[in-house]
Amino acid sequence: KQWYQRRVRGPKCKEEEVKTPQLYERNRQLRLELQMLYKQADTIISHAQAMKQSDDRKGMAFPSIKNNLRINLQRLQNEVTELRKRKATAQIKYEAEKANREGVEKEVKSLRQELINSKISSSVGGR
């Protein structure tokens, strides 16, 4: 039975099962990094606003830091979107492979049943 299961599932299905947890983990890491960058951006923006209120200077170098954070945030959001698309693609492939496997299993069962029926009919006819 194990040989049959390994044979029916195929290498594609196994590849997709291996990729899926890795995609979930990468997605989680990117979300954490994104949250950290949001917190940093919020801190820098609030600090810059406090500096503007307390001092007549124009926030010194804060706008460039703010822009860098915006760029990093956008990059991470794009990466998260790409990983979501890859995850969806992997899920579709997995479902297709699973449906294919179920079809093959049904076909094998029907072939076994036909073989059993032919053996029974040949043994009944031979008597």
Protein backbone atom coordinates (compact mmCIF):
# COMPACT_ATOMS: atom_id res chain seq x y z
CA LYS A 1 0.00 0.00 0.00
CA GLN A 2 2.83 2.44 0.76
CA TRP A 3 4.36 1.81 -2.65
CA TYR A 4 1.00 2.49 -4.23
CA GLN A 5 0.59 5.76 -2.31
CA ARG A 6 4.07 6.94 -3.21
CA ARG A 7 3.47 6.01 -6.83
CA VAL A 8 0.08 7.73 -7.07
CA ARG A 9 1.00 10.95 -5.25
CA GLY A 10 3.86 11.63 -7.59
CA PRO A 11 6.84 13.94 -7.23
CA LYS A 12 4.92 17.12 -8.16
CA CYS A 13 2.53 16.78 -5.24
CA LYS A 14 5.41 16.14 -2.87
CA GLU A 15 7.30 19.20 -4.19
CA GLU A 16 4.28 21.42 -3.58
CA GLU A 17 3.82 20.04 -0.07
CA VAL A 18 7.48 20.84 0.65
CA LYS A 19 7.24 24.38 -0.76
CA THR A 20 4.06 25.38 1.08
CA PRO A 21 5.46 25.49 4.67
CA GLN A 22 8.50 27.40 3.43
CA LEU A 23 6.24 29.98 1.80
CA TYR A 24 4.20 30.31 4.98
CA GLU A 25 7.39 30.82 7.03
CA ARG A 26 8.78 33.42 4.61
CA ASN A 27 5.43 35.21 4.61
CA ARG A 28 5.47 35.29 8.43
CA GLN A 29 9.03 36.66 8.49
CA LEU A 30 8.15 39.40 6.01
CA ARG A 31 5.07 40.36 8.01
CA LEU A 32 7.18 40.70 11.17
CA GLU A 33 9.75 42.79 9.33
CA LEU A 34 6.96 44.93 7.89
CA GLN A 35 5.48 45.50 11.35
CA MET A 36 8.89 46.48 12.69
CA LEU A 37 9.38 48.99 9.87
CA TYR A 38 5.92 50.45 10.49
CA LYS A 39 6.83 50.95 14.15
CA GLN A 40 10.15 52.58 13.21
CA ALA A 41 8.43 54.85 10.72
CA ASP A 42 5.82 55.83 13.28
CA THR A 43 8.52 56.60 15.85
CA ILE A 44 10.55 58.68 13.41
CA ILE A 45 7.52 60.59 12.17
CA SER A 46 6.33 61.37 15.70
CA HIS A 47 9.87 62.44 16.65
CA ALA A 48 10.08 64.66 13.57
CA GLN A 49 6.75 66.27 14.43
CA ALA A 50 7.95 66.90 17.97
CA MET A 51 11.15 68.46 16.64
CA LYS A 52 9.19 70.76 14.33
CA GLN A 53 6.97 71.89 17.15
CA SER A 54 9.79 72.47 19.61
CA ASP A 55 12.33 73.89 17.22
CA ASP A 56 12.14 76.16 14.21
CA ARG A 57 14.53 73.93 12.32
CA LYS A 58 12.96 71.96 9.46
CA GLY A 59 13.40 68.49 10.93
CA MET A 60 17.03 68.22 9.84
CA ALA A 61 17.61 64.82 8.14
CA PHE A 62 14.27 63.26 9.02
CA PRO A 63 12.61 63.50 5.61
CA SER A 64 15.27 61.29 3.98
CA ILE A 65 14.91 58.68 6.72
CA LYS A 66 11.17 58.87 6.31
CA ASN A 67 11.47 58.32 2.56
CA ASN A 68 13.85 55.41 3.08
CA LEU A 69 11.35 53.80 5.40
CA ARG A 70 8.57 54.33 2.89
CA ILE A 71 10.66 52.65 0.21
CA ASN A 72 11.42 49.71 2.52
CA LEU A 73 7.76 49.41 3.45
CA GLN A 74 6.72 49.37 -0.20
CA ARG A 75 9.36 46.76 -1.02
CA LEU A 76 8.15 44.51 1.78
CA GLN A 77 4.53 44.95 0.78
CA ASN A 78 5.43 43.95 -2.78
CA GLU A 79 7.30 40.89 -1.47
CA VAL A 80 4.34 39.87 0.68
CA THR A 81 2.04 40.24 -2.33
CA GLU A 82 4.37 38.14 -4.46
CA LEU A 83 4.54 35.44 -1.78
CA ARG A 84 0.75 35.39 -1.54
CA LYS A 85 0.56 34.85 -5.30
CA ARG A 86 3.15 32.07 -5.14
CA LYS A 87 1.26 30.46 -2.27
CA ALA A 88 -1.98 30.60 -4.25
CA THR A 89 -0.24 29.07 -7.27
CA ALA A 90 1.24 26.30 -5.14
CA GLN A 91 -2.18 25.65 -3.60
CA ILE A 92 -3.78 25.38 -7.06
CA LYS A 93 -1.08 22.96 -8.21
CA TYR A 94 -1.50 20.92 -5.05
CA GLU A 95 -5.28 20.73 -5.50
CA ALA A 96 -4.87 19.67 -9.14
CA GLU A 97 -2.35 17.00 -8.17
CA LYS A 98 -4.66 15.82 -5.39
CA ALA A 99 -7.61 15.57 -7.80
CA ASN A 100 -5.39 13.70 -10.26
CA ARG A 101 -4.35 11.30 -7.52
CA GLU A 102 -7.96 10.65 -6.53
CA GLY A 103 -8.83 9.92 -10.17
CA VAL A 104 -5.97 7.46 -10.45
CA GLU A 105 -7.01 5.79 -7.19
CA LYS A 106 -10.56 5.34 -8.52
CA GLU A 107 -9.22 3.93 -11.76
CA VAL A 108 -6.97 1.47 -9.92
CA LYS A 109 -9.89 0.34 -7.74
CA SER A 110 -12.07 -0.24 -10.79
CA LEU A 111 -9.25 -2.16 -12.53
CA ARG A 112 -8.80 -4.33 -9.44
CA GLN A 113 -12.52 -5.00 -9.33
CA GLU A 114 -12.54 -5.93 -13.02
CA LEU A 115 -9.59 -8.25 -12.42
CA ILE A 116 -11.35 -9.90 -9.49
CA ASN A 117 -14.53 -10.27 -11.55
CA SER A 118 -12.62 -11.78 -14.46
CA LYS A 119 -10.87 -14.25 -12.12
CA ILE A 120 -14.22 -15.20 -10.58
CA SER A 121 -15.84 -15.64 -13.98
CA SER A 122 -12.89 -17.68 -15.30
CA SER A 123 -12.91 -19.89 -12.18
CA VAL A 124 -16.71 -20.37 -12.45
CA GLY A 125 -16.46 -21.06 -16.18
CA GLY A 126 -13.55 -23.47 -15.69
CA ARG A 127 -15.46 -25.72 -13.28
